Amino acid sequence: MDTPLASPLKRVAQTEELDTGGNALERALKSVDRSLDELEDNPLPGQRELYNLSRGPVGTATGQGLKVAADVAVKATVAAAKAVAPHAKWALAEGTKAAAGLVKYAILQAAKSSDEDAKRNRAKEAGKGKPPK
């Protein structure tokens, strides 16, 4: 199904192939530029009304309200980050201690297991020289 822009886009794509030779990026950029020019010259139904509404008093007030809301959200986020920073620092320190403790425990367990294996091997080797009962 063709959209209102389908035929201008096809026409632009065909002329661009001839204009730019073989540079795909340049062809794509020119195609987008011409498509935007076409939309500016012949806006789709509703586009002009939306633009006028956004530039009118209601749209301006809404935009300003959204800007104020965004500013408040940013300020609240910064304040929350500042409030949480000491706790995050403590949690990071405790997490580092815990991780170091786990690594130390794993190393000790590996060494203990290795020592036990070595003792078993020595006992096995010592037992080979004895006559069977």
N, C-alpha and C. Protein backbone atom coordinates (compact mmCIF):
# COMPACT_ATOMS: atom_id res chain seq x y z
N MET A 1 0.85 -1.18 0.00
CA MET A 1 0.00 0.00 0.00
C MET A 1 0.89 1.23 0.00
N ASP A 2 0.62 2.17 -0.87
CA ASP A 2 1.43 3.38 -0.96
C ASP A 2 1.00 4.39 0.08
N THR A 3 1.98 4.99 0.71
CA THR A 3 1.72 6.08 1.63
C THR A 3 1.76 7.37 0.83
N PRO A 4 1.32 8.51 1.42
CA PRO A 4 1.38 9.76 0.67
C PRO A 4 2.80 10.12 0.24
N LEU A 5 3.81 9.61 0.95
CA LEU A 5 5.18 9.93 0.60
C LEU A 5 5.82 8.91 -0.33
N ALA A 6 5.12 7.83 -0.63
CA ALA A 6 5.74 6.75 -1.39
C ALA A 6 6.22 7.21 -2.76
N SER A 7 5.37 7.90 -3.51
CA SER A 7 5.78 8.31 -4.85
C SER A 7 6.89 9.35 -4.82
N PRO A 8 6.84 10.40 -3.95
CA PRO A 8 7.99 11.32 -3.92
C PRO A 8 9.28 10.63 -3.51
N LEU A 9 9.19 9.68 -2.59
CA LEU A 9 10.39 8.98 -2.17
C LEU A 9 10.96 8.14 -3.30
N LYS A 10 10.10 7.49 -4.05
CA LYS A 10 10.57 6.70 -5.18
C LYS A 10 11.24 7.61 -6.21
N ARG A 11 10.59 8.75 -6.47
CA ARG A 11 11.12 9.69 -7.45
C ARG A 11 12.48 10.22 -7.00
N VAL A 12 12.59 10.57 -5.71
CA VAL A 12 13.85 11.08 -5.17
C VAL A 12 14.93 10.01 -5.27
N ALA A 13 14.59 8.77 -4.92
CA ALA A 13 15.57 7.68 -4.97
C ALA A 13 16.07 7.47 -6.39
N GLN A 14 15.17 7.55 -7.37
CA GLN A 14 15.58 7.35 -8.75
C GLN A 14 16.50 8.47 -9.23
N THR A 15 16.18 9.72 -8.89
CA THR A 15 17.03 10.83 -9.34
C THR A 15 18.36 10.82 -8.60
N GLU A 16 18.39 10.38 -7.36
CA GLU A 16 19.63 10.36 -6.58
C GLU A 16 20.62 9.36 -7.16
N GLU A 17 20.13 8.25 -7.66
CA GLU A 17 21.03 7.26 -8.25
C GLU A 17 21.81 7.88 -9.41
N LEU A 18 21.16 8.75 -10.13
CA LEU A 18 21.83 9.39 -11.26
C LEU A 18 22.76 10.52 -10.79
N ASP A 19 22.34 11.28 -9.75
CA ASP A 19 23.09 12.46 -9.31
C ASP A 19 24.41 12.14 -8.63
N THR A 20 24.46 11.13 -7.78
CA THR A 20 25.63 10.94 -6.92
C THR A 20 26.58 9.85 -7.39
N GLY A 21 26.31 9.24 -8.48
CA GLY A 21 27.22 8.19 -8.94
C GLY A 21 26.99 6.92 -8.14
N GLY A 22 27.89 6.57 -7.23
CA GLY A 22 27.74 5.32 -6.51
C GLY A 22 27.89 5.46 -5.01
N ASN A 23 28.00 6.69 -4.47
CA ASN A 23 28.19 6.89 -3.05
C ASN A 23 26.87 6.68 -2.32
N ALA A 24 26.73 5.56 -1.63
CA ALA A 24 25.46 5.20 -0.99
C ALA A 24 25.13 6.14 0.15
N LEU A 25 26.11 6.54 0.94
CA LEU A 25 25.85 7.43 2.08
C LEU A 25 25.37 8.79 1.59
N GLU A 26 26.03 9.33 0.61
CA GLU A 26 25.63 10.63 0.07
C GLU A 26 24.24 10.54 -0.53
N ARG A 27 23.96 9.45 -1.23
CA ARG A 27 22.65 9.24 -1.83
C ARG A 27 21.57 9.16 -0.75
N ALA A 28 21.86 8.46 0.34
CA ALA A 28 20.88 8.33 1.42
C ALA A 28 20.62 9.67 2.09
N LEU A 29 21.68 10.43 2.35
CA LEU A 29 21.51 11.74 3.00
C LEU A 29 20.71 12.70 2.12
N LYS A 30 21.00 12.71 0.84
CA LYS A 30 20.26 13.58 -0.07
C LYS A 30 18.81 13.15 -0.16
N SER A 31 18.58 11.84 -0.12
CA SER A 31 17.21 11.34 -0.18
C SER A 31 16.41 11.78 1.04
N VAL A 32 17.03 11.66 2.21
CA VAL A 32 16.35 12.09 3.44
C VAL A 32 16.10 13.59 3.39
N ASP A 33 17.08 14.37 2.94
CA ASP A 33 16.93 15.82 2.85
C ASP A 33 15.79 16.19 1.93
N ARG A 34 15.73 15.55 0.79
CA ARG A 34 14.64 15.87 -0.15
C ARG A 34 13.29 15.42 0.39
N SER A 35 13.25 14.31 1.12
CA SER A 35 11.99 13.86 1.72
C SER A 35 11.51 14.86 2.76
N LEU A 36 12.44 15.40 3.54
CA LEU A 36 12.07 16.41 4.53
C LEU A 36 11.60 17.70 3.84
N ASP A 37 12.26 18.05 2.76
CA ASP A 37 11.83 19.23 1.99
C ASP A 37 10.41 19.03 1.48
N GLU A 38 10.13 17.82 1.00
CA GLU A 38 8.79 17.50 0.49
C GLU A 38 7.75 17.62 1.62
N LEU A 39 8.09 17.13 2.82
CA LEU A 39 7.17 17.25 3.95
C LEU A 39 6.95 18.70 4.36
N GLU A 40 8.00 19.52 4.28
CA GLU A 40 7.84 20.93 4.61
C GLU A 40 6.95 21.64 3.58
N ASP A 41 7.13 21.30 2.33
CA ASP A 41 6.33 21.94 1.28
C ASP A 41 4.89 21.45 1.28
N ASN A 42 4.70 20.16 1.51
CA ASN A 42 3.35 19.56 1.48
C ASN A 42 3.16 18.72 2.75
N PRO A 43 2.85 19.36 3.87
CA PRO A 43 2.71 18.59 5.12
C PRO A 43 1.54 17.61 5.05
N LEU A 44 1.69 16.52 5.77
CA LEU A 44 0.62 15.53 5.85
C LEU A 44 -0.53 16.12 6.65
N PRO A 45 -1.75 15.60 6.44
CA PRO A 45 -2.88 16.12 7.21
C PRO A 45 -2.63 15.95 8.71
N GLY A 46 -2.87 16.98 9.46
CA GLY A 46 -2.68 16.92 10.91
C GLY A 46 -1.35 17.47 11.36
N GLN A 47 -0.33 17.45 10.48
CA GLN A 47 0.98 17.94 10.89
C GLN A 47 0.95 19.44 11.18
N ARG A 48 0.30 20.20 10.32
CA ARG A 48 0.25 21.65 10.51
C ARG A 48 -0.54 21.98 11.78
N GLU A 49 -1.63 21.24 12.02
CA GLU A 49 -2.45 21.49 13.21
C GLU A 49 -1.65 21.17 14.48
N LEU A 50 -0.92 20.06 14.45
CA LEU A 50 -0.10 19.72 15.61
C LEU A 50 0.99 20.77 15.86
N TYR A 51 1.59 21.25 14.80
CA TYR A 51 2.62 22.27 14.93
C TYR A 51 2.02 23.55 15.53
N ASN A 52 0.88 23.98 14.98
CA ASN A 52 0.24 25.19 15.49
C ASN A 52 -0.19 25.03 16.94
N LEU A 53 -0.70 23.85 17.28
CA LEU A 53 -1.12 23.60 18.66
C LEU A 53 0.08 23.64 19.59
N SER A 54 1.22 23.06 19.18
CA SER A 54 2.40 23.04 20.04
C SER A 54 2.98 24.44 20.22
N ARG A 55 2.79 25.31 19.24
CA ARG A 55 3.31 26.68 19.34
C ARG A 55 2.31 27.64 19.97
N GLY A 56 1.07 27.19 20.17
CA GLY A 56 0.05 28.04 20.79
C GLY A 56 0.21 28.12 22.29
N PRO A 57 -0.71 28.81 22.97
CA PRO A 57 -0.59 28.99 24.42
C PRO A 57 -0.65 27.67 25.20
N VAL A 58 -1.50 26.75 24.76
CA VAL A 58 -1.60 25.47 25.47
C VAL A 58 -0.31 24.67 25.32
N GLY A 59 0.22 24.61 24.10
CA GLY A 59 1.46 23.87 23.87
C GLY A 59 2.63 24.49 24.59
N THR A 60 2.69 25.83 24.61
CA THR A 60 3.77 26.51 25.31
C THR A 60 3.71 26.24 26.80
N ALA A 61 2.51 26.33 27.36
CA ALA A 61 2.35 26.08 28.80
C ALA A 61 2.68 24.63 29.13
N THR A 62 2.28 23.71 28.27
CA THR A 62 2.58 22.29 28.49
C THR A 62 4.08 22.06 28.44
N GLY A 63 4.73 22.66 27.45
CA GLY A 63 6.18 22.53 27.33
C GLY A 63 6.91 23.08 28.54
N GLN A 64 6.46 24.24 29.03
CA GLN A 64 7.09 24.82 30.22
C GLN A 64 6.84 23.93 31.44
N GLY A 65 5.64 23.37 31.54
CA GLY A 65 5.34 22.47 32.66
C GLY A 65 6.22 21.24 32.62
N LEU A 66 6.42 20.69 31.43
CA LEU A 66 7.29 19.51 31.30
C LEU A 66 8.73 19.86 31.66
N LYS A 67 9.18 21.06 31.29
CA LYS A 67 10.54 21.49 31.61
C LYS A 67 10.71 21.61 33.12
N VAL A 68 9.72 22.20 33.80
CA VAL A 68 9.78 22.33 35.25
C VAL A 68 9.78 20.95 35.89
N ALA A 69 8.94 20.05 35.39
CA ALA A 69 8.89 18.69 35.95
C ALA A 69 10.22 17.97 35.75
N ALA A 70 10.83 18.15 34.60
CA ALA A 70 12.13 17.52 34.35
C ALA A 70 13.19 18.10 35.27
N ASP A 71 13.18 19.42 35.49
CA ASP A 71 14.14 20.04 36.40
C ASP A 71 13.98 19.51 37.82
N VAL A 72 12.73 19.38 38.27
CA VAL A 72 12.47 18.84 39.61
C VAL A 72 12.97 17.40 39.71
N ALA A 73 12.73 16.61 38.67
CA ALA A 73 13.17 15.21 38.69
C ALA A 73 14.70 15.12 38.75
N VAL A 74 15.39 15.98 38.01
CA VAL A 74 16.86 15.98 38.04
C VAL A 74 17.36 16.37 39.42
N LYS A 75 16.78 17.43 39.99
CA LYS A 75 17.20 17.88 41.32
C LYS A 75 16.95 16.80 42.37
N ALA A 76 15.81 16.13 42.28
CA ALA A 76 15.50 15.06 43.23
C ALA A 76 16.47 13.90 43.08
N THR A 77 16.84 13.57 41.85
CA THR A 77 17.79 12.48 41.61
C THR A 77 19.16 12.82 42.18
N VAL A 78 19.59 14.07 41.97
CA VAL A 78 20.89 14.50 42.51
C VAL A 78 20.86 14.45 44.03
N ALA A 79 19.78 14.95 44.64
CA ALA A 79 19.67 14.93 46.10
C ALA A 79 19.66 13.50 46.64
N ALA A 80 18.96 12.62 45.96
CA ALA A 80 18.92 11.22 46.39
C ALA A 80 20.30 10.57 46.27
N ALA A 81 21.01 10.88 45.19
CA ALA A 81 22.36 10.32 45.01
C ALA A 81 23.30 10.81 46.11
N LYS A 82 23.18 12.10 46.46
CA LYS A 82 24.02 12.64 47.53
C LYS A 82 23.69 12.00 48.87
N ALA A 83 22.41 11.74 49.11
CA ALA A 83 22.00 11.13 50.38
C ALA A 83 22.45 9.68 50.47
N VAL A 84 22.48 8.99 49.36
CA VAL A 84 22.81 7.57 49.34
C VAL A 84 24.32 7.33 49.27
N ALA A 85 25.08 8.31 48.84
CA ALA A 85 26.51 8.13 48.62
C ALA A 85 27.26 7.56 49.82
N PRO A 86 27.06 8.08 51.06
CA PRO A 86 27.78 7.48 52.20
C PRO A 86 27.42 6.01 52.42
N HIS A 87 26.15 5.68 52.22
CA HIS A 87 25.71 4.29 52.39
C HIS A 87 26.30 3.41 51.29
N ALA A 88 26.36 3.94 50.09
CA ALA A 88 26.93 3.18 48.99
C ALA A 88 28.42 2.94 49.23
N LYS A 89 29.10 3.94 49.77
CA LYS A 89 30.52 3.79 50.06
C LYS A 89 30.73 2.69 51.11
N TRP A 90 29.90 2.70 52.15
CA TRP A 90 29.99 1.67 53.20
C TRP A 90 29.69 0.29 52.60
N ALA A 91 28.63 0.20 51.77
CA ALA A 91 28.26 -1.08 51.17
C ALA A 91 29.38 -1.61 50.27
N LEU A 92 30.02 -0.70 49.53
CA LEU A 92 31.13 -1.12 48.68
C LEU A 92 32.29 -1.65 49.51
N ALA A 93 32.59 -0.96 50.61
CA ALA A 93 33.68 -1.40 51.49
C ALA A 93 33.37 -2.77 52.10
N GLU A 94 32.14 -2.94 52.57
CA GLU A 94 31.74 -4.22 53.16
C GLU A 94 31.74 -5.34 52.11
N GLY A 95 31.29 -5.02 50.92
CA GLY A 95 31.29 -6.01 49.85
C GLY A 95 32.70 -6.42 49.47
N THR A 96 33.61 -5.46 49.46
CA THR A 96 35.01 -5.77 49.17
C THR A 96 35.60 -6.66 50.25
N LYS A 97 35.28 -6.35 51.51
CA LYS A 97 35.77 -7.19 52.62
C LYS A 97 35.23 -8.61 52.49
N ALA A 98 33.95 -8.71 52.19
CA ALA A 98 33.34 -10.03 52.07
C ALA A 98 33.95 -10.81 50.91
N ALA A 99 34.18 -10.15 49.79
CA ALA A 99 34.78 -10.82 48.63
C ALA A 99 36.20 -11.28 48.97
N ALA A 100 36.96 -10.42 49.67
CA ALA A 100 38.32 -10.80 50.05
C ALA A 100 38.28 -11.99 51.01
N GLY A 101 37.32 -11.99 51.93
CA GLY A 101 37.17 -13.11 52.86
C GLY A 101 36.85 -14.40 52.13
N LEU A 102 35.98 -14.33 51.13
CA LEU A 102 35.63 -15.53 50.36
C LEU A 102 36.83 -16.06 49.58
N VAL A 103 37.61 -15.16 49.00
CA VAL A 103 38.79 -15.58 48.25
C VAL A 103 39.78 -16.25 49.21
N LYS A 104 39.99 -15.64 50.36
CA LYS A 104 40.91 -16.21 51.35
C LYS A 104 40.44 -17.59 51.80
N TYR A 105 39.14 -17.71 52.05
CA TYR A 105 38.56 -19.00 52.46
C TYR A 105 38.76 -20.05 51.37
N ALA A 106 38.51 -19.65 50.10
CA ALA A 106 38.67 -20.59 48.99
C ALA A 106 40.12 -21.05 48.87
N ILE A 107 41.06 -20.12 49.06
CA ILE A 107 42.49 -20.48 48.98
C ILE A 107 42.86 -21.44 50.10
N LEU A 108 42.37 -21.16 51.31
CA LEU A 108 42.66 -22.04 52.45
C LEU A 108 42.08 -23.42 52.23
N GLN A 109 40.86 -23.49 51.72
CA GLN A 109 40.22 -24.79 51.46
C GLN A 109 40.98 -25.56 50.39
N ALA A 110 41.41 -24.86 49.36
CA ALA A 110 42.18 -25.52 48.30
C ALA A 110 43.50 -26.05 48.85
N ALA A 111 44.16 -25.26 49.68
CA ALA A 111 45.43 -25.70 50.27
C ALA A 111 45.21 -26.89 51.20
N LYS A 112 44.14 -26.83 51.99
CA LYS A 112 43.82 -27.92 52.92
C LYS A 112 43.54 -29.20 52.14
N SER A 113 42.77 -29.08 51.07
CA SER A 113 42.44 -30.24 50.24
C SER A 113 43.71 -30.80 49.60
N SER A 114 44.58 -29.91 49.14
CA SER A 114 45.83 -30.34 48.53
C SER A 114 46.71 -31.06 49.54
N ASP A 115 46.77 -30.54 50.78
CA ASP A 115 47.55 -31.20 51.84
C ASP A 115 46.99 -32.58 52.14
N GLU A 116 45.65 -32.69 52.21
CA GLU A 116 45.03 -33.98 52.49
C GLU A 116 45.31 -34.98 51.36
N ASP A 117 45.25 -34.49 50.12
CA ASP A 117 45.56 -35.37 48.98
C ASP A 117 47.01 -35.84 49.04
N ALA A 118 47.91 -34.95 49.39
CA ALA A 118 49.33 -35.30 49.49
C ALA A 118 49.54 -36.34 50.59
N LYS A 119 48.87 -36.19 51.73
CA LYS A 119 49.00 -37.16 52.84
C LYS A 119 48.48 -38.52 52.39
N ARG A 120 47.35 -38.54 51.68
CA ARG A 120 46.79 -39.81 51.21
C ARG A 120 47.75 -40.48 50.22
N ASN A 121 48.32 -39.69 49.34
CA ASN A 121 49.28 -40.25 48.35
C ASN A 121 50.51 -40.81 49.04
N ARG A 122 51.01 -40.10 50.08
CA ARG A 122 52.18 -40.60 50.81
C ARG A 122 51.83 -41.89 51.54
N ALA A 123 50.65 -41.94 52.13
CA ALA A 123 50.23 -43.15 52.84
C ALA A 123 50.06 -44.30 51.86
N LYS A 124 49.52 -44.00 50.69
CA LYS A 124 49.34 -45.04 49.68
C LYS A 124 50.69 -45.56 49.21
N GLU A 125 51.63 -44.65 48.97
CA GLU A 125 52.96 -45.04 48.54
C GLU A 125 53.67 -45.84 49.64
N ALA A 126 53.47 -45.41 50.86
CA ALA A 126 54.12 -46.12 51.99
C ALA A 126 53.50 -47.51 52.12
N GLY A 127 52.24 -47.66 51.84
CA GLY A 127 51.56 -48.94 51.98
C GLY A 127 51.91 -49.92 50.89
N LYS A 128 52.42 -49.48 49.77
CA LYS A 128 52.76 -50.39 48.66
C LYS A 128 53.95 -51.26 49.00
N GLY A 129 54.84 -50.77 49.83
CA GLY A 129 56.02 -51.54 50.16
C GLY A 129 55.74 -52.64 51.17
N LYS A 130 54.62 -52.60 51.86
CA LYS A 130 54.29 -53.60 52.88
C LYS A 130 53.70 -54.83 52.19
N PRO A 131 54.00 -56.00 52.75
CA PRO A 131 53.39 -57.22 52.19
C PRO A 131 51.90 -57.26 52.51
N PRO A 132 51.09 -57.82 51.62
CA PRO A 132 49.65 -57.89 51.88
C PRO A 132 49.35 -58.83 53.04
N LYS A 133 48.29 -58.56 53.76
CA LYS A 133 47.91 -59.37 54.92
C LYS A 133 47.11 -60.56 54.53
